[in-house]
Amino acid sequence: TFFEMCYPFNTSMERAKILCELRRPEINVPNHFRQKSFSRHYELVAQMLNHEPDKRPSANILLESNIIPFEQEEQYEQLLDRMINS
């Protein structure tokens, strides 16, 4: 899933627990996934996990939106994060 590509898991048990939390009606994500550095990822995951299929975005809508992170932007954001946190 997109979430699994964005969020590193330390153990298989952690992965299983977090993915179960994503399936709950309130869609629980780890707290730091909601932070600014993941804000676009969180927005995308929340939309794609909507329990009402009609409210999930289509592939065309996602491609037309600015929600999907592009690799260059993401690399730039990671570089900025490293510079700020150093």
PDB file of N, CA and C in Angstrom:
ATOM      1  N   THR A   1       0.838  -1.191   0.000  1.00  0.00           N
ATOM      2  CA  THR A   1       0.000   0.000   0.000  1.00  0.00           C
ATOM      3  C   THR A   1       0.876   1.245   0.000  1.00  0.00           C
ATOM      4  N   PHE A   2       0.282   2.376  -0.331  1.00  0.00           N
ATOM      5  CA  PHE A   2       1.014   3.642  -0.328  1.00  0.00           C
ATOM      6  C   PHE A   2       1.553   3.937   1.068  1.00  0.00           C
ATOM      7  N   PHE A   3       0.752   3.682   2.087  1.00  0.00           N
ATOM      8  CA  PHE A   3       1.199   3.931   3.460  1.00  0.00           C
ATOM      9  C   PHE A   3       2.463   3.140   3.766  1.00  0.00           C
ATOM     10  N   GLU A   4       2.492   1.884   3.368  1.00  0.00           N
ATOM     11  CA  GLU A   4       3.658   1.040   3.640  1.00  0.00           C
ATOM     12  C   GLU A   4       4.900   1.530   2.900  1.00  0.00           C
ATOM     13  N   MET A   5       4.726   2.165   1.764  1.00  0.00           N
ATOM     14  CA  MET A   5       5.871   2.718   1.039  1.00  0.00           C
ATOM     15  C   MET A   5       6.425   3.956   1.736  1.00  0.00           C
ATOM     16  N   CYS A   6       5.579   4.667   2.460  1.00  0.00           N
ATOM     17  CA  CYS A   6       5.985   5.916   3.115  1.00  0.00           C
ATOM     18  C   CYS A   6       6.448   5.737   4.549  1.00  0.00           C
ATOM     19  N   TYR A   7       5.969   4.707   5.196  1.00  0.00           N
ATOM     20  CA  TYR A   7       6.203   4.544   6.629  1.00  0.00           C
ATOM     21  C   TYR A   7       7.070   3.316   6.899  1.00  0.00           C
ATOM     22  N   PRO A   8       8.261   3.505   7.468  1.00  0.00           N
ATOM     23  CA  PRO A   8       9.129   2.350   7.752  1.00  0.00           C
ATOM     24  C   PRO A   8       8.692   1.613   9.021  1.00  0.00           C
ATOM     25  N   PHE A   9       8.585   0.315   8.928  1.00  0.00           N
ATOM     26  CA  PHE A   9       8.234  -0.513  10.082  1.00  0.00           C
ATOM     27  C   PHE A   9       9.509  -1.148  10.624  1.00  0.00           C
ATOM     28  N   ASN A  10       9.610  -1.242  11.942  1.00  0.00           N
ATOM     29  CA  ASN A  10      10.776  -1.863  12.561  1.00  0.00           C
ATOM     30  C   ASN A  10      10.626  -3.371  12.681  1.00  0.00           C
ATOM     31  N   THR A  11       9.398  -3.836  12.878  1.00  0.00           N
ATOM     32  CA  THR A  11       9.157  -5.274  13.038  1.00  0.00           C
ATOM     33  C   THR A  11       7.871  -5.663  12.312  1.00  0.00           C
ATOM     34  N   SER A  12       7.711  -6.947  12.097  1.00  0.00           N
ATOM     35  CA  SER A  12       6.477  -7.445  11.474  1.00  0.00           C
ATOM     36  C   SER A  12       5.277  -7.224  12.388  1.00  0.00           C
ATOM     37  N   MET A  13       5.497  -7.346  13.696  1.00  0.00           N
ATOM     38  CA  MET A  13       4.409  -7.125  14.653  1.00  0.00           C
ATOM     39  C   MET A  13       3.954  -5.665  14.608  1.00  0.00           C
ATOM     40  N   GLU A  14       4.900  -4.739  14.545  1.00  0.00           N
ATOM     41  CA  GLU A  14       4.547  -3.321  14.447  1.00  0.00           C
ATOM     42  C   GLU A  14       3.740  -3.077  13.176  1.00  0.00           C
ATOM     43  N   ARG A  15       4.163  -3.663  12.080  1.00  0.00           N
ATOM     44  CA  ARG A  15       3.447  -3.521  10.814  1.00  0.00           C
ATOM     45  C   ARG A  15       2.017  -4.022  10.950  1.00  0.00           C
ATOM     46  N   ALA A  16       1.853  -5.206  11.514  1.00  0.00           N
ATOM     47  CA  ALA A  16       0.518  -5.789  11.673  1.00  0.00           C
ATOM     48  C   ALA A  16      -0.376  -4.908  12.538  1.00  0.00           C
ATOM     49  N   LYS A  17       0.156  -4.412  13.654  1.00  0.00           N
ATOM     50  CA  LYS A  17      -0.644  -3.574  14.558  1.00  0.00           C
ATOM     51  C   LYS A  17      -1.056  -2.268  13.886  1.00  0.00           C
ATOM     52  N   ILE A  18      -0.114  -1.622  13.204  1.00  0.00           N
ATOM     53  CA  ILE A  18      -0.414  -0.333  12.569  1.00  0.00           C
ATOM     54  C   ILE A  18      -1.416  -0.515  11.433  1.00  0.00           C
ATOM     55  N   LEU A  19      -1.250  -1.554  10.629  1.00  0.00           N
ATOM     56  CA  LEU A  19      -2.196  -1.780   9.529  1.00  0.00           C
ATOM     57  C   LEU A  19      -3.595  -2.102  10.048  1.00  0.00           C
ATOM     58  N   CYS A  20      -3.692  -2.786  11.176  1.00  0.00           N
ATOM     59  CA  CYS A  20      -5.010  -3.026  11.798  1.00  0.00           C
ATOM     60  C   CYS A  20      -5.636  -1.709  12.245  1.00  0.00           C
ATOM     61  N   GLU A  21      -4.826  -0.816  12.780  1.00  0.00           N
ATOM     62  CA  GLU A  21      -5.330   0.494  13.216  1.00  0.00           C
ATOM     63  C   GLU A  21      -5.831   1.317  12.028  1.00  0.00           C
ATOM     64  N   LEU A  22      -5.200   1.155  10.881  1.00  0.00           N
ATOM     65  CA  LEU A  22      -5.633   1.882   9.684  1.00  0.00           C
ATOM     66  C   LEU A  22      -7.014   1.436   9.222  1.00  0.00           C
ATOM     67  N   ARG A  23      -7.394   0.228   9.561  1.00  0.00           N
ATOM     68  CA  ARG A  23      -8.681  -0.326   9.109  1.00  0.00           C
ATOM     69  C   ARG A  23      -9.842   0.017  10.030  1.00  0.00           C
ATOM     70  N   ARG A  24      -9.544   0.609  11.164  1.00  0.00           N
ATOM     71  CA  ARG A  24     -10.614   0.986  12.099  1.00  0.00           C
ATOM     72  C   ARG A  24     -11.472   2.099  11.483  1.00  0.00           C
ATOM     73  N   PRO A  25     -12.704   2.254  11.954  1.00  0.00           N
ATOM     74  CA  PRO A  25     -13.569   3.313  11.421  1.00  0.00           C
ATOM     75  C   PRO A  25     -12.961   4.712  11.532  1.00  0.00           C
ATOM     76  N   GLU A  26     -12.168   4.952  12.584  1.00  0.00           N
ATOM     77  CA  GLU A  26     -11.579   6.283  12.753  1.00  0.00           C
ATOM     78  C   GLU A  26     -10.211   6.425  12.084  1.00  0.00           C
ATOM     79  N   ILE A  27      -9.717   5.377  11.417  1.00  0.00           N
ATOM     80  CA  ILE A  27      -8.443   5.369  10.694  1.00  0.00           C
ATOM     81  C   ILE A  27      -7.320   5.964  11.537  1.00  0.00           C
ATOM     82  N   ASN A  28      -6.814   5.175  12.459  1.00  0.00           N
ATOM     83  CA  ASN A  28      -5.731   5.607  13.347  1.00  0.00           C
ATOM     84  C   ASN A  28      -4.381   5.427  12.670  1.00  0.00           C
ATOM     85  N   VAL A  29      -3.642   6.525  12.548  1.00  0.00           N
ATOM     86  CA  VAL A  29      -2.276   6.460  12.022  1.00  0.00           C
ATOM     87  C   VAL A  29      -1.324   6.838  13.145  1.00  0.00           C
ATOM     88  N   PRO A  30      -0.064   6.423  13.063  1.00  0.00           N
ATOM     89  CA  PRO A  30       0.899   6.836  14.088  1.00  0.00           C
ATOM     90  C   PRO A  30       0.958   8.363  14.178  1.00  0.00           C
ATOM     91  N   ASN A  31       1.103   8.881  15.387  1.00  0.00           N
ATOM     92  CA  ASN A  31       1.069  10.331  15.597  1.00  0.00           C
ATOM     93  C   ASN A  31       2.055  11.090  14.729  1.00  0.00           C
ATOM     94  N   HIS A  32       3.283  10.608  14.617  1.00  0.00           N
ATOM     95  CA  HIS A  32       4.256  11.376  13.843  1.00  0.00           C
ATOM     96  C   HIS A  32       3.996  11.313  12.337  1.00  0.00           C
ATOM     97  N   PHE A  33       3.102  10.442  11.886  1.00  0.00           N
ATOM     98  CA  PHE A  33       2.729  10.436  10.470  1.00  0.00           C
ATOM     99  C   PHE A  33       1.840  11.638  10.144  1.00  0.00           C
ATOM    100  N   ARG A  34       1.254  12.240  11.153  1.00  0.00           N
ATOM    101  CA  ARG A  34       0.411  13.428  10.947  1.00  0.00           C
ATOM    102  C   ARG A  34       1.224  14.721  10.967  1.00  0.00           C
ATOM    103  N   GLN A  35       2.511  14.642  11.292  1.00  0.00           N
ATOM    104  CA  GLN A  35       3.345  15.835  11.374  1.00  0.00           C
ATOM    105  C   GLN A  35       3.558  16.441   9.992  1.00  0.00           C
ATOM    106  N   LYS A  36       4.078  17.651  10.003  1.00  0.00           N
ATOM    107  CA  LYS A  36       4.222  18.419   8.769  1.00  0.00           C
ATOM    108  C   LYS A  36       4.994  17.672   7.686  1.00  0.00           C
ATOM    109  N   SER A  37       6.051  16.964   8.063  1.00  0.00           N
ATOM    110  CA  SER A  37       6.871  16.289   7.051  1.00  0.00           C
ATOM    111  C   SER A  37       6.099  15.199   6.307  1.00  0.00           C
ATOM    112  N   PHE A  38       5.030  14.683   6.906  1.00  0.00           N
ATOM    113  CA  PHE A  38       4.208  13.659   6.266  1.00  0.00           C
ATOM    114  C   PHE A  38       2.819  14.180   5.910  1.00  0.00           C
ATOM    115  N   SER A  39       2.572  15.474   6.003  1.00  0.00           N
ATOM    116  CA  SER A  39       1.203  15.992   5.876  1.00  0.00           C
ATOM    117  C   SER A  39       0.546  15.612   4.552  1.00  0.00           C
ATOM    118  N   ARG A  40       1.273  15.694   3.448  1.00  0.00           N
ATOM    119  CA  ARG A  40       0.683  15.333   2.155  1.00  0.00           C
ATOM    120  C   ARG A  40       0.421  13.831   2.090  1.00  0.00           C
ATOM    121  N   HIS A  41       1.333  13.049   2.653  1.00  0.00           N
ATOM    122  CA  HIS A  41       1.147  11.603   2.677  1.00  0.00           C
ATOM    123  C   HIS A  41      -0.082  11.249   3.516  1.00  0.00           C
ATOM    124  N   TYR A  42      -0.205  11.903   4.670  1.00  0.00           N
ATOM    125  CA  TYR A  42      -1.343  11.626   5.550  1.00  0.00           C
ATOM    126  C   TYR A  42      -2.658  11.959   4.847  1.00  0.00           C
ATOM    127  N   GLU A  43      -2.697  13.104   4.196  1.00  0.00           N
ATOM    128  CA  GLU A  43      -3.913  13.522   3.492  1.00  0.00           C
ATOM    129  C   GLU A  43      -4.300  12.481   2.435  1.00  0.00           C
ATOM    130  N   LEU A  44      -3.325  12.005   1.700  1.00  0.00           N
ATOM    131  CA  LEU A  44      -3.578  11.009   0.661  1.00  0.00           C
ATOM    132  C   LEU A  44      -4.046   9.684   1.260  1.00  0.00           C
ATOM    133  N   VAL A  45      -3.367   9.220   2.295  1.00  0.00           N
ATOM    134  CA  VAL A  45      -3.744   7.955   2.947  1.00  0.00           C
ATOM    135  C   VAL A  45      -5.158   8.052   3.512  1.00  0.00           C
ATOM    136  N   ALA A  46      -5.468   9.156   4.172  1.00  0.00           N
ATOM    137  CA  ALA A  46      -6.797   9.329   4.760  1.00  0.00           C
ATOM    138  C   ALA A  46      -7.886   9.280   3.688  1.00  0.00           C
ATOM    139  N   GLN A  47      -7.648   9.927   2.552  1.00  0.00           N
ATOM    140  CA  GLN A  47      -8.636   9.910   1.474  1.00  0.00           C
ATOM    141  C   GLN A  47      -8.793   8.513   0.878  1.00  0.00           C
ATOM    142  N   MET A  48      -7.680   7.827   0.679  1.00  0.00           N
ATOM    143  CA  MET A  48      -7.731   6.509   0.051  1.00  0.00           C
ATOM    144  C   MET A  48      -8.314   5.442   0.969  1.00  0.00           C
ATOM    145  N   LEU A  49      -8.248   5.659   2.277  1.00  0.00           N
ATOM    146  CA  LEU A  49      -8.779   4.682   3.228  1.00  0.00           C
ATOM    147  C   LEU A  49     -10.207   4.983   3.677  1.00  0.00           C
ATOM    148  N   ASN A  50     -10.831   5.966   3.070  1.00  0.00           N
ATOM    149  CA  ASN A  50     -12.206   6.292   3.437  1.00  0.00           C
ATOM    150  C   ASN A  50     -13.055   5.028   3.331  1.00  0.00           C
ATOM    151  N   HIS A  51     -13.845   4.763   4.349  1.00  0.00           N
ATOM    152  CA  HIS A  51     -14.642   3.538   4.387  1.00  0.00           C
ATOM    153  C   HIS A  51     -15.825   3.567   3.423  1.00  0.00           C
ATOM    154  N   GLU A  52     -16.132   4.738   2.892  1.00  0.00           N
ATOM    155  CA  GLU A  52     -17.197   4.856   1.897  1.00  0.00           C
ATOM    156  C   GLU A  52     -16.543   4.945   0.516  1.00  0.00           C
ATOM    157  N   PRO A  53     -16.642   3.904  -0.287  1.00  0.00           N
ATOM    158  CA  PRO A  53     -15.957   3.877  -1.585  1.00  0.00           C
ATOM    159  C   PRO A  53     -16.239   5.087  -2.472  1.00  0.00           C
ATOM    160  N   ASP A  54     -17.456   5.608  -2.426  1.00  0.00           N
ATOM    161  CA  ASP A  54     -17.799   6.760  -3.262  1.00  0.00           C
ATOM    162  C   ASP A  54     -17.017   8.014  -2.880  1.00  0.00           C
ATOM    163  N   LYS A  55     -16.491   8.048  -1.670  1.00  0.00           N
ATOM    164  CA  LYS A  55     -15.749   9.224  -1.203  1.00  0.00           C
ATOM    165  C   LYS A  55     -14.239   9.097  -1.430  1.00  0.00           C
ATOM    166  N   ARG A  56     -13.793   7.937  -1.906  1.00  0.00           N
ATOM    167  CA  ARG A  56     -12.372   7.755  -2.215  1.00  0.00           C
ATOM    168  C   ARG A  56     -12.069   8.411  -3.560  1.00  0.00           C
ATOM    169  N   PRO A  57     -10.916   9.043  -3.690  1.00  0.00           N
ATOM    170  CA  PRO A  57     -10.580   9.683  -4.967  1.00  0.00           C
ATOM    171  C   PRO A  57     -10.240   8.642  -6.036  1.00  0.00           C
ATOM    172  N   SER A  58     -10.582   8.967  -7.262  1.00  0.00           N
ATOM    173  CA  SER A  58     -10.215   8.091  -8.379  1.00  0.00           C
ATOM    174  C   SER A  58      -8.750   8.345  -8.739  1.00  0.00           C
ATOM    175  N   ALA A  59      -8.191   7.467  -9.539  1.00  0.00           N
ATOM    176  CA  ALA A  59      -6.802   7.644  -9.977  1.00  0.00           C
ATOM    177  C   ALA A  59      -6.648   8.950 -10.746  1.00  0.00           C
ATOM    178  N   ASN A  60      -7.625   9.285 -11.586  1.00  0.00           N
ATOM    179  CA  ASN A  60      -7.551  10.538 -12.349  1.00  0.00           C
ATOM    180  C   ASN A  60      -7.561  11.753 -11.435  1.00  0.00           C
ATOM    181  N   ILE A  61      -8.414  11.730 -10.432  1.00  0.00           N
ATOM    182  CA  ILE A  61      -8.474  12.856  -9.495  1.00  0.00           C
ATOM    183  C   ILE A  61      -7.152  12.998  -8.758  1.00  0.00           C
ATOM    184  N   LEU A  62      -6.572  11.884  -8.345  1.00  0.00           N
ATOM    185  CA  LEU A  62      -5.286  11.932  -7.644  1.00  0.00           C
ATOM    186  C   LEU A  62      -4.190  12.499  -8.534  1.00  0.00           C
ATOM    187  N   LEU A  63      -4.161  12.080  -9.795  1.00  0.00           N
ATOM    188  CA  LEU A  63      -3.133  12.574 -10.706  1.00  0.00           C
ATOM    189  C   LEU A  63      -3.291  14.057 -11.006  1.00  0.00           C
ATOM    190  N   GLU A  64      -4.520  14.548 -11.017  1.00  0.00           N
ATOM    191  CA  GLU A  64      -4.770  15.958 -11.290  1.00  0.00           C
ATOM    192  C   GLU A  64      -4.550  16.842 -10.066  1.00  0.00           C
ATOM    193  N   SER A  65      -4.551  16.244  -8.897  1.00  0.00           N
ATOM    194  CA  SER A  65      -4.387  17.024  -7.668  1.00  0.00           C
ATOM    195  C   SER A  65      -2.907  17.239  -7.380  1.00  0.00           C
ATOM    196  N   ASN A  66      -2.636  18.023  -6.353  1.00  0.00           N
ATOM    197  CA  ASN A  66      -1.246  18.234  -5.937  1.00  0.00           C
ATOM    198  C   ASN A  66      -0.931  17.406  -4.690  1.00  0.00           C
ATOM    199  N   ILE A  67      -1.746  16.399  -4.434  1.00  0.00           N
ATOM    200  CA  ILE A  67      -1.573  15.590  -3.229  1.00  0.00           C
ATOM    201  C   ILE A  67      -0.443  14.574  -3.392  1.00  0.00           C
ATOM    202  N   ILE A  68      -0.338  13.968  -4.573  1.00  0.00           N
ATOM    203  CA  ILE A  68       0.674  12.929  -4.771  1.00  0.00           C
ATOM    204  C   ILE A  68       2.056  13.566  -4.737  1.00  0.00           C
ATOM    205  N   PRO A  69       2.911  13.081  -3.841  1.00  0.00           N
ATOM    206  CA  PRO A  69       4.262  13.648  -3.757  1.00  0.00           C
ATOM    207  C   PRO A  69       5.113  13.185  -4.936  1.00  0.00           C
ATOM    208  N   PHE A  70       5.772  14.134  -5.552  1.00  0.00           N
ATOM    209  CA  PHE A  70       6.670  13.796  -6.642  1.00  0.00           C
ATOM    210  C   PHE A  70       8.069  13.620  -6.082  1.00  0.00           C
ATOM    211  N   GLU A  71       8.840  12.750  -6.691  1.00  0.00           N
ATOM    212  CA  GLU A  71      10.132  12.338  -6.141  1.00  0.00           C
ATOM    213  C   GLU A  71      11.058  13.521  -5.876  1.00  0.00           C
ATOM    214  N   GLN A  72      11.169  14.466  -6.802  1.00  0.00           N
ATOM    215  CA  GLN A  72      12.073  15.596  -6.605  1.00  0.00           C
ATOM    216  C   GLN A  72      11.640  16.444  -5.417  1.00  0.00           C
ATOM    217  N   GLU A  73      10.356  16.706  -5.310  1.00  0.00           N
ATOM    218  CA  GLU A  73       9.850  17.476  -4.172  1.00  0.00           C
ATOM    219  C   GLU A  73      10.149  16.762  -2.869  1.00  0.00           C
ATOM    220  N   GLU A  74       9.935  15.471  -2.862  1.00  0.00           N
ATOM    221  CA  GLU A  74      10.147  14.688  -1.653  1.00  0.00           C
ATOM    222  C   GLU A  74      11.626  14.695  -1.259  1.00  0.00           C
ATOM    223  N   GLN A  75      12.510  14.565  -2.234  1.00  0.00           N
ATOM    224  CA  GLN A  75      13.944  14.600  -1.949  1.00  0.00           C
ATOM    225  C   GLN A  75      14.346  15.968  -1.402  1.00  0.00           C
ATOM    226  N   TYR A  76      13.778  17.016  -1.960  1.00  0.00           N
ATOM    227  CA  TYR A  76      14.054  18.372  -1.493  1.00  0.00           C
ATOM    228  C   TYR A  76      13.583  18.550  -0.047  1.00  0.00           C
ATOM    229  N   GLU A  77      12.388  18.063   0.260  1.00  0.00           N
ATOM    230  CA  GLU A  77      11.861  18.159   1.623  1.00  0.00           C
ATOM    231  C   GLU A  77      12.725  17.373   2.605  1.00  0.00           C
ATOM    232  N   GLN A  78      13.197  16.204   2.201  1.00  0.00           N
ATOM    233  CA  GLN A  78      14.060  15.408   3.071  1.00  0.00           C
ATOM    234  C   GLN A  78      15.383  16.122   3.315  1.00  0.00           C
ATOM    235  N   LEU A  79      15.927  16.741   2.285  1.00  0.00           N
ATOM    236  CA  LEU A  79      17.166  17.499   2.433  1.00  0.00           C
ATOM    237  C   LEU A  79      16.966  18.655   3.405  1.00  0.00           C
ATOM    238  N   LEU A  80      15.869  19.372   3.261  1.00  0.00           N
ATOM    239  CA  LEU A  80      15.574  20.478   4.179  1.00  0.00           C
ATOM    240  C   LEU A  80      15.416  19.984   5.608  1.00  0.00           C
ATOM    241  N   ASP A  81      14.722  18.879   5.788  1.00  0.00           N
ATOM    242  CA  ASP A  81      14.557  18.307   7.129  1.00  0.00           C
ATOM    243  C   ASP A  81      15.904  17.967   7.749  1.00  0.00           C
ATOM    244  N   ARG A  82      16.787  17.360   6.953  1.00  0.00           N
ATOM    245  CA  ARG A  82      18.117  17.017   7.477  1.00  0.00           C
ATOM    246  C   ARG A  82      18.898  18.268   7.859  1.00  0.00           C
ATOM    247  N   MET A  83      18.797  19.310   7.029  1.00  0.00           N
ATOM    248  CA  MET A  83      19.524  20.551   7.315  1.00  0.00           C
ATOM    249  C   MET A  83      18.985  21.218   8.576  1.00  0.00           C
ATOM    250  N   ILE A  84      17.686  21.219   8.725  1.00  0.00           N
ATOM    251  CA  ILE A  84      17.062  21.860   9.886  1.00  0.00           C
ATOM    252  C   ILE A  84      17.361  21.084  11.158  1.00  0.00           C
ATOM    253  N   ASN A  85      17.333  19.771  11.075  1.00  0.00           N
ATOM    254  CA  ASN A  85      17.528  18.935  12.260  1.00  0.00           C
ATOM    255  C   ASN A  85      18.994  18.695  12.609  1.00  0.00           C
ATOM    256  N   SER A  86      19.904  19.184  11.784  1.00  0.00           N
ATOM    257  CA  SER A  86      21.343  18.992  12.068  1.00  0.00           C
ATOM    258  C   SER A  86      21.870  20.024  13.031  1.00  0.00           C
TER     259      SER A  86
END
